[in-house]
Amino acid sequence: MDYLYLLLNLGSLSIPFLFSFHPKLKFYKRWKSLLIGLLISMAIFIPWDIIFTINGIWGFNQDYFLGFKLFSLPIEEWLFFICIPYACTFTHFALLYYFPNLKLSRATTKTISYLLIFLLVILSVYNSSKWYTFINFVLATILIAFVIKRNPNLLSNFYLTFLVMLIPFFIVNGVLTGSFITDEVVWYNNSENLNIRLFTIPIEDTVYAFTLILMNLFIMTHYESKRKRANSINHQ
């Protein structure tokens, strides 16, 4: 099934895209800030992806994509960095719309953040030779430290909304890594990761998803807050 990866991308995007025009959610009004987030995150994640693919840290099963590549990556992999962040950021804001009190206290948010930073630093240091683990955890550490300083309110929401996002994550990423199908869509060199799987999913993928989504949300909220301040000044 050479269109499986494409179907997973489009399937992940379809419902969030349709509900973006819901008269209450109006997620389409966030498209400009989302586009900025997508471009910046892709500027980080795409080169990382290309380097890891070229060096055999992970790769793609040609039986499950259409065969078109750009800089060593299937076109479907490029779409992944658009479709998945779109679906996840939509989910985040939709949950906050329907559950406005869905947030942790500032103290709890800081405690979780510092514990995560500590754990990720320790794992990075002791696994510095495993490139997926090391790069992944270092980037997550830097991002959490940055966001807890600049926008702790985002993390107070995101720690909870991310738990909800893990449900579709285990379905989509499960298929990508070999659940429910004969062979995996994306394969991993286990010498470059902890070789710990959640079902068929490398445990590093959960941190990867966390970082990708949080980066997009931080950029979106930062841009939107700057735009609101500018509009406020202009109307004074």
C-alpha atoms as a PDB file:
ATOM      1  CA  MET A   1       0.000   0.000   0.000  1.00  0.00           C
ATOM      2  CA  ASP A   2       2.233   2.777  -1.289  1.00  0.00           C
ATOM      3  CA  TYR A   3      -0.189   5.517  -0.226  1.00  0.00           C
ATOM      4  CA  LEU A   4      -0.465   4.481   3.450  1.00  0.00           C
ATOM      5  CA  TYR A   5       1.784   7.257   4.795  1.00  0.00           C
ATOM      6  CA  LEU A   6      -0.151   9.810   2.749  1.00  0.00           C
ATOM      7  CA  LEU A   7      -3.462   8.487   4.104  1.00  0.00           C
ATOM      8  CA  LEU A   8      -2.199   8.760   7.678  1.00  0.00           C
ATOM      9  CA  ASN A   9      -1.217  12.381   7.110  1.00  0.00           C
ATOM     10  CA  LEU A  10      -4.466  13.353   5.408  1.00  0.00           C
ATOM     11  CA  GLY A  11      -6.553  11.381   7.888  1.00  0.00           C
ATOM     12  CA  SER A  12      -4.895  13.192  10.793  1.00  0.00           C
ATOM     13  CA  LEU A  13      -5.540  16.557   9.144  1.00  0.00           C
ATOM     14  CA  SER A  14      -9.061  16.035   7.806  1.00  0.00           C
ATOM     15  CA  ILE A  15     -11.285  16.423  10.889  1.00  0.00           C
ATOM     16  CA  PRO A  16      -9.260  19.261  12.490  1.00  0.00           C
ATOM     17  CA  PHE A  17      -9.264  21.098   9.153  1.00  0.00           C
ATOM     18  CA  LEU A  18     -13.034  20.763   8.707  1.00  0.00           C
ATOM     19  CA  PHE A  19     -13.722  21.883  12.270  1.00  0.00           C
ATOM     20  CA  SER A  20     -11.365  24.836  11.874  1.00  0.00           C
ATOM     21  CA  PHE A  21     -14.375  26.680  10.413  1.00  0.00           C
ATOM     22  CA  HIS A  22     -16.639  25.898  13.354  1.00  0.00           C
ATOM     23  CA  PRO A  23     -18.342  29.202  14.282  1.00  0.00           C
ATOM     24  CA  LYS A  24     -17.251  28.895  17.901  1.00  0.00           C
ATOM     25  CA  LEU A  25     -13.715  27.588  17.434  1.00  0.00           C
ATOM     26  CA  LYS A  26     -12.730  29.707  14.383  1.00  0.00           C
ATOM     27  CA  PHE A  27      -9.315  28.089  14.256  1.00  0.00           C
ATOM     28  CA  TYR A  28      -8.847  29.422  10.720  1.00  0.00           C
ATOM     29  CA  LYS A  29      -8.194  32.812  12.292  1.00  0.00           C
ATOM     30  CA  ARG A  30      -4.989  31.344  13.749  1.00  0.00           C
ATOM     31  CA  TRP A  31      -3.661  30.191  10.384  1.00  0.00           C
ATOM     32  CA  LYS A  32      -1.174  33.037  10.075  1.00  0.00           C
ATOM     33  CA  SER A  33       0.422  32.348  13.460  1.00  0.00           C
ATOM     34  CA  LEU A  34       0.292  28.607  12.748  1.00  0.00           C
ATOM     35  CA  LEU A  35       2.084  29.122   9.433  1.00  0.00           C
ATOM     36  CA  ILE A  36       4.880  30.999  11.204  1.00  0.00           C
ATOM     37  CA  GLY A  37       5.145  28.184  13.744  1.00  0.00           C
ATOM     38  CA  LEU A  38       5.223  25.540  11.014  1.00  0.00           C
ATOM     39  CA  LEU A  39       7.947  27.310   9.043  1.00  0.00           C
ATOM     40  CA  ILE A  40      10.193  27.822  12.068  1.00  0.00           C
ATOM     41  CA  SER A  41       9.714  24.292  13.408  1.00  0.00           C
ATOM     42  CA  MET A  42      10.311  22.796   9.960  1.00  0.00           C
ATOM     43  CA  ALA A  43      13.528  24.820   9.686  1.00  0.00           C
ATOM     44  CA  ILE A  44      14.733  22.827  12.720  1.00  0.00           C
ATOM     45  CA  PHE A  45      13.120  19.426  12.270  1.00  0.00           C
ATOM     46  CA  ILE A  46      13.565  18.966   8.503  1.00  0.00           C
ATOM     47  CA  PRO A  47      17.403  19.340   8.477  1.00  0.00           C
ATOM     48  CA  TRP A  48      17.528  17.044  11.529  1.00  0.00           C
ATOM     49  CA  ASP A  49      15.366  14.526   9.657  1.00  0.00           C
ATOM     50  CA  ILE A  50      17.512  14.714   6.517  1.00  0.00           C
ATOM     51  CA  ILE A  51      20.776  14.211   8.432  1.00  0.00           C
ATOM     52  CA  PHE A  52      19.390  11.265  10.411  1.00  0.00           C
ATOM     53  CA  THR A  53      17.972   9.655   7.266  1.00  0.00           C
ATOM     54  CA  ILE A  54      21.234  10.001   5.331  1.00  0.00           C
ATOM     55  CA  ASN A  55      23.169   8.509   8.262  1.00  0.00           C
ATOM     56  CA  GLY A  56      20.802   5.548   8.722  1.00  0.00           C
ATOM     57  CA  ILE A  57      19.545   6.534  12.173  1.00  0.00           C
ATOM     58  CA  TRP A  58      16.064   6.066  10.793  1.00  0.00           C
ATOM     59  CA  GLY A  59      14.579   5.482   7.363  1.00  0.00           C
ATOM     60  CA  PHE A  60      11.437   4.842   5.354  1.00  0.00           C
ATOM     61  CA  ASN A  61       9.934   1.714   3.864  1.00  0.00           C
ATOM     62  CA  GLN A  62       9.390   2.386   0.157  1.00  0.00           C
ATOM     63  CA  ASP A  63       6.398   0.020   0.137  1.00  0.00           C
ATOM     64  CA  TYR A  64       4.356   2.593   2.057  1.00  0.00           C
ATOM     65  CA  PHE A  65       5.054   5.887   0.306  1.00  0.00           C
ATOM     66  CA  LEU A  66       4.559   7.101  -3.252  1.00  0.00           C
ATOM     67  CA  GLY A  67       8.253   7.251  -4.107  1.00  0.00           C
ATOM     68  CA  PHE A  68       8.733  10.984  -4.516  1.00  0.00           C
ATOM     69  CA  LYS A  69      11.601  12.387  -2.442  1.00  0.00           C
ATOM     70  CA  LEU A  70      12.934  15.835  -1.694  1.00  0.00           C
ATOM     71  CA  PHE A  71      16.381  16.043  -0.053  1.00  0.00           C
ATOM     72  CA  SER A  72      16.285  12.310   0.806  1.00  0.00           C
ATOM     73  CA  LEU A  73      12.867  12.575   2.498  1.00  0.00           C
ATOM     74  CA  PRO A  74       9.592  11.227   1.088  1.00  0.00           C
ATOM     75  CA  ILE A  75       7.078  13.954   0.290  1.00  0.00           C
ATOM     76  CA  GLU A  76       4.845  12.335   2.909  1.00  0.00           C
ATOM     77  CA  GLU A  77       7.489  13.055   5.558  1.00  0.00           C
ATOM     78  CA  TRP A  78       7.415  16.739   4.647  1.00  0.00           C
ATOM     79  CA  LEU A  79       3.623  16.652   4.951  1.00  0.00           C
ATOM     80  CA  PHE A  80       3.976  15.068   8.393  1.00  0.00           C
ATOM     81  CA  PHE A  81       5.430  18.331   9.734  1.00  0.00           C
ATOM     82  CA  ILE A  82       2.367  20.186   8.479  1.00  0.00           C
ATOM     83  CA  CYS A  83      -0.489  17.766   9.117  1.00  0.00           C
ATOM     84  CA  ILE A  84       0.454  16.550  12.595  1.00  0.00           C
ATOM     85  CA  PRO A  85       1.233  19.982  14.125  1.00  0.00           C
ATOM     86  CA  TYR A  86      -1.960  21.329  12.554  1.00  0.00           C
ATOM     87  CA  ALA A  87      -4.055  18.553  14.081  1.00  0.00           C
ATOM     88  CA  CYS A  88      -2.367  18.825  17.475  1.00  0.00           C
ATOM     89  CA  THR A  89      -2.462  22.614  17.811  1.00  0.00           C
ATOM     90  CA  PHE A  90      -6.135  22.519  16.793  1.00  0.00           C
ATOM     91  CA  THR A  91      -6.753  19.893  19.478  1.00  0.00           C
ATOM     92  CA  HIS A  92      -4.970  22.017  22.087  1.00  0.00           C
ATOM     93  CA  PHE A  93      -7.054  25.134  21.422  1.00  0.00           C
ATOM     94  CA  ALA A  94     -10.297  23.172  21.010  1.00  0.00           C
ATOM     95  CA  LEU A  95      -9.798  21.527  24.404  1.00  0.00           C
ATOM     96  CA  LEU A  96      -9.106  24.898  26.015  1.00  0.00           C
ATOM     97  CA  TYR A  97     -12.240  26.343  24.425  1.00  0.00           C
ATOM     98  CA  TYR A  98     -14.486  23.609  25.799  1.00  0.00           C
ATOM     99  CA  PHE A  99     -12.575  23.182  29.069  1.00  0.00           C
ATOM    100  CA  PRO A 100     -11.253  26.668  29.935  1.00  0.00           C
ATOM    101  CA  ASN A 101     -10.164  25.564  33.403  1.00  0.00           C
ATOM    102  CA  LEU A 102      -7.999  22.758  32.052  1.00  0.00           C
ATOM    103  CA  LYS A 103      -4.724  23.853  33.587  1.00  0.00           C
ATOM    104  CA  LEU A 104      -2.266  23.015  36.331  1.00  0.00           C
ATOM    105  CA  SER A 105      -1.257  25.404  39.053  1.00  0.00           C
ATOM    106  CA  ARG A 106       1.889  27.459  38.494  1.00  0.00           C
ATOM    107  CA  ALA A 107       3.684  25.557  41.276  1.00  0.00           C
ATOM    108  CA  THR A 108       2.755  22.159  39.821  1.00  0.00           C
ATOM    109  CA  THR A 109       3.757  23.295  36.321  1.00  0.00           C
ATOM    110  CA  LYS A 110       7.180  24.399  37.539  1.00  0.00           C
ATOM    111  CA  THR A 111       7.691  21.192  39.528  1.00  0.00           C
ATOM    112  CA  ILE A 112       6.868  19.001  36.534  1.00  0.00           C
ATOM    113  CA  SER A 113       9.061  21.134  34.267  1.00  0.00           C
ATOM    114  CA  TYR A 114      12.103  20.980  36.533  1.00  0.00           C
ATOM    115  CA  LEU A 115      11.670  17.235  37.039  1.00  0.00           C
ATOM    116  CA  LEU A 116      11.468  16.710  33.282  1.00  0.00           C
ATOM    117  CA  ILE A 117      14.536  18.869  32.712  1.00  0.00           C
ATOM    118  CA  PHE A 118      16.467  16.926  35.343  1.00  0.00           C
ATOM    119  CA  LEU A 119      15.418  13.550  33.916  1.00  0.00           C
ATOM    120  CA  LEU A 120      16.151  14.549  30.324  1.00  0.00           C
ATOM    121  CA  VAL A 121      19.576  15.943  31.223  1.00  0.00           C
ATOM    122  CA  ILE A 122      20.529  12.741  33.055  1.00  0.00           C
ATOM    123  CA  LEU A 123      19.348  10.562  30.164  1.00  0.00           C
ATOM    124  CA  SER A 124      21.156  12.778  27.655  1.00  0.00           C
ATOM    125  CA  VAL A 125      24.438  12.611  29.551  1.00  0.00           C
ATOM    126  CA  TYR A 126      24.324   8.838  29.970  1.00  0.00           C
ATOM    127  CA  ASN A 127      23.261   8.238  26.360  1.00  0.00           C
ATOM    128  CA  SER A 128      25.376  10.797  24.528  1.00  0.00           C
ATOM    129  CA  SER A 129      26.495   8.145  22.029  1.00  0.00           C
ATOM    130  CA  LYS A 130      22.896   7.380  20.991  1.00  0.00           C
ATOM    131  CA  TRP A 131      22.145  10.155  18.551  1.00  0.00           C
ATOM    132  CA  TYR A 132      18.352  10.000  18.465  1.00  0.00           C
ATOM    133  CA  THR A 133      18.127   9.905  22.244  1.00  0.00           C
ATOM    134  CA  PHE A 134      20.743  12.597  22.764  1.00  0.00           C
ATOM    135  CA  ILE A 135      19.600  15.194  20.200  1.00  0.00           C
ATOM    136  CA  ASN A 136      15.941  14.595  20.992  1.00  0.00           C
ATOM    137  CA  PHE A 137      16.300  14.961  24.761  1.00  0.00           C
ATOM    138  CA  VAL A 138      18.679  17.937  24.577  1.00  0.00           C
ATOM    139  CA  LEU A 139      16.278  19.858  22.343  1.00  0.00           C
ATOM    140  CA  ALA A 140      13.359  19.030  24.650  1.00  0.00           C
ATOM    141  CA  THR A 141      15.369  20.190  27.666  1.00  0.00           C
ATOM    142  CA  ILE A 142      16.227  23.517  26.054  1.00  0.00           C
ATOM    143  CA  LEU A 143      12.651  24.100  24.917  1.00  0.00           C
ATOM    144  CA  ILE A 144      11.068  23.301  28.294  1.00  0.00           C
ATOM    145  CA  ALA A 145      13.566  25.564  30.090  1.00  0.00           C
ATOM    146  CA  PHE A 146      12.861  28.360  27.616  1.00  0.00           C
ATOM    147  CA  VAL A 147       9.068  28.057  27.754  1.00  0.00           C
ATOM    148  CA  ILE A 148       8.893  27.796  31.557  1.00  0.00           C
ATOM    149  CA  LYS A 149      10.753  31.098  31.690  1.00  0.00           C
ATOM    150  CA  ARG A 150       8.881  32.910  28.901  1.00  0.00           C
ATOM    151  CA  ASN A 151       5.380  31.413  28.957  1.00  0.00           C
ATOM    152  CA  PRO A 152       4.681  29.098  31.925  1.00  0.00           C
ATOM    153  CA  ASN A 153       0.928  29.437  31.351  1.00  0.00           C
ATOM    154  CA  LEU A 154       1.315  27.558  28.073  1.00  0.00           C
ATOM    155  CA  LEU A 155       2.918  24.618  29.837  1.00  0.00           C
ATOM    156  CA  SER A 156       0.222  24.625  32.525  1.00  0.00           C
ATOM    157  CA  ASN A 157      -2.281  23.850  29.754  1.00  0.00           C
ATOM    158  CA  PHE A 158      -0.072  21.815  27.471  1.00  0.00           C
ATOM    159  CA  TYR A 159       0.939  19.177  30.015  1.00  0.00           C
ATOM    160  CA  LEU A 160      -2.753  18.227  30.160  1.00  0.00           C
ATOM    161  CA  THR A 161      -3.736  18.654  26.515  1.00  0.00           C
ATOM    162  CA  PHE A 162      -0.708  16.598  25.462  1.00  0.00           C
ATOM    163  CA  LEU A 163      -2.051  13.664  27.478  1.00  0.00           C
ATOM    164  CA  VAL A 164      -5.165  13.767  25.298  1.00  0.00           C
ATOM    165  CA  MET A 165      -3.058  14.030  22.140  1.00  0.00           C
ATOM    166  CA  LEU A 166      -1.244  10.839  23.123  1.00  0.00           C
ATOM    167  CA  ILE A 167      -4.372   8.853  22.226  1.00  0.00           C
ATOM    168  CA  PRO A 168      -4.261   9.600  18.463  1.00  0.00           C
ATOM    169  CA  PHE A 169      -0.454   9.649  18.713  1.00  0.00           C
ATOM    170  CA  PHE A 170      -0.375   5.972  19.709  1.00  0.00           C
ATOM    171  CA  ILE A 171      -2.700   5.116  16.828  1.00  0.00           C
ATOM    172  CA  VAL A 172      -0.940   7.073  14.056  1.00  0.00           C
ATOM    173  CA  ASN A 173       2.608   6.534  15.264  1.00  0.00           C
ATOM    174  CA  GLY A 174       1.768   2.944  16.060  1.00  0.00           C
ATOM    175  CA  VAL A 175       0.917   2.326  12.409  1.00  0.00           C
ATOM    176  CA  LEU A 176       4.037   4.208  11.283  1.00  0.00           C
ATOM    177  CA  THR A 177       6.216   1.968  13.446  1.00  0.00           C
ATOM    178  CA  GLY A 178       4.583  -1.313  12.486  1.00  0.00           C
ATOM    179  CA  SER A 179       1.448  -1.827  14.560  1.00  0.00           C
ATOM    180  CA  PHE A 180      -1.479  -3.351  12.669  1.00  0.00           C
ATOM    181  CA  ILE A 181       0.531  -3.740   9.423  1.00  0.00           C
ATOM    182  CA  THR A 182       3.030  -6.252   8.041  1.00  0.00           C
ATOM    183  CA  ASP A 183       6.072  -4.007   8.287  1.00  0.00           C
ATOM    184  CA  GLU A 184       6.867  -0.550   9.642  1.00  0.00           C
ATOM    185  CA  VAL A 185       6.532   2.616   7.562  1.00  0.00           C
ATOM    186  CA  VAL A 186       9.391   4.236   9.476  1.00  0.00           C
ATOM    187  CA  TRP A 187      12.233   2.060  10.743  1.00  0.00           C
ATOM    188  CA  TYR A 188      14.767   2.934  13.453  1.00  0.00           C
ATOM    189  CA  ASN A 189      18.369   1.941  14.088  1.00  0.00           C
ATOM    190  CA  ASN A 190      18.028   0.736  17.676  1.00  0.00           C
ATOM    191  CA  SER A 191      21.721   1.290  18.393  1.00  0.00           C
ATOM    192  CA  GLU A 192      20.950   5.025  18.206  1.00  0.00           C
ATOM    193  CA  ASN A 193      18.087   4.996  20.719  1.00  0.00           C
ATOM    194  CA  LEU A 194      17.248   3.449  24.092  1.00  0.00           C
ATOM    195  CA  ASN A 195      15.645   0.442  22.368  1.00  0.00           C
ATOM    196  CA  ILE A 196      12.613   0.788  24.641  1.00  0.00           C
ATOM    197  CA  ARG A 197       9.310   0.477  22.802  1.00  0.00           C
ATOM    198  CA  LEU A 198       5.807   1.492  23.810  1.00  0.00           C
ATOM    199  CA  PHE A 199       4.098  -1.217  21.787  1.00  0.00           C
ATOM    200  CA  THR A 200       6.037  -0.645  18.518  1.00  0.00           C
ATOM    201  CA  ILE A 201       6.880   3.016  19.183  1.00  0.00           C
ATOM    202  CA  PRO A 202      10.374   4.046  20.348  1.00  0.00           C
ATOM    203  CA  ILE A 203       9.983   5.887  23.651  1.00  0.00           C
ATOM    204  CA  GLU A 204      11.952   8.787  22.163  1.00  0.00           C
ATOM    205  CA  ASP A 205       9.062   9.440  19.775  1.00  0.00           C
ATOM    206  CA  THR A 206       6.883  10.675  22.651  1.00  0.00           C
ATOM    207  CA  VAL A 207       9.491  13.319  23.503  1.00  0.00           C
ATOM    208  CA  TYR A 208       9.899  14.150  19.818  1.00  0.00           C
ATOM    209  CA  ALA A 209       6.151  14.738  19.479  1.00  0.00           C
ATOM    210  CA  PHE A 210       6.086  16.760  22.707  1.00  0.00           C
ATOM    211  CA  THR A 211       8.833  19.071  21.440  1.00  0.00           C
ATOM    212  CA  LEU A 212       7.402  19.458  17.941  1.00  0.00           C
ATOM    213  CA  ILE A 213       3.941  20.417  19.190  1.00  0.00           C
ATOM    214  CA  LEU A 214       5.149  22.623  22.049  1.00  0.00           C
ATOM    215  CA  MET A 215       7.451  24.538  19.707  1.00  0.00           C
ATOM    216  CA  ASN A 216       4.579  25.281  17.339  1.00  0.00           C
ATOM    217  CA  LEU A 217       2.289  26.337  20.180  1.00  0.00           C
ATOM    218  CA  PHE A 218       4.910  28.595  21.751  1.00  0.00           C
ATOM    219  CA  ILE A 219       5.601  30.356  18.448  1.00  0.00           C
ATOM    220  CA  MET A 220       1.872  30.737  17.769  1.00  0.00           C
ATOM    221  CA  THR A 221       1.040  32.187  21.184  1.00  0.00           C
ATOM    222  CA  HIS A 222       4.123  34.424  21.137  1.00  0.00           C
ATOM    223  CA  TYR A 223       3.184  35.853  17.742  1.00  0.00           C
ATOM    224  CA  GLU A 224      -0.463  36.331  18.734  1.00  0.00           C
ATOM    225  CA  SER A 225       0.420  38.105  21.984  1.00  0.00           C
ATOM    226  CA  LYS A 226       2.793  40.424  20.106  1.00  0.00           C
ATOM    227  CA  ARG A 227       0.085  41.202  17.569  1.00  0.00           C
ATOM    228  CA  LYS A 228      -2.433  41.965  20.337  1.00  0.00           C
ATOM    229  CA  ARG A 229       0.029  44.318  22.037  1.00  0.00           C
ATOM    230  CA  ALA A 230       0.719  46.080  18.749  1.00  0.00           C
ATOM    231  CA  ASN A 231      -3.002  46.474  18.044  1.00  0.00           C
ATOM    232  CA  SER A 232      -3.574  47.775  21.555  1.00  0.00           C
ATOM    233  CA  ILE A 233      -0.854  50.409  21.132  1.00  0.00           C
ATOM    234  CA  ASN A 234      -2.216  51.444  17.739  1.00  0.00           C
ATOM    235  CA  HIS A 235      -5.691  51.996  19.203  1.00  0.00           C
ATOM    236  CA  GLN A 236      -4.506  54.137  22.095  1.00  0.00           C
END
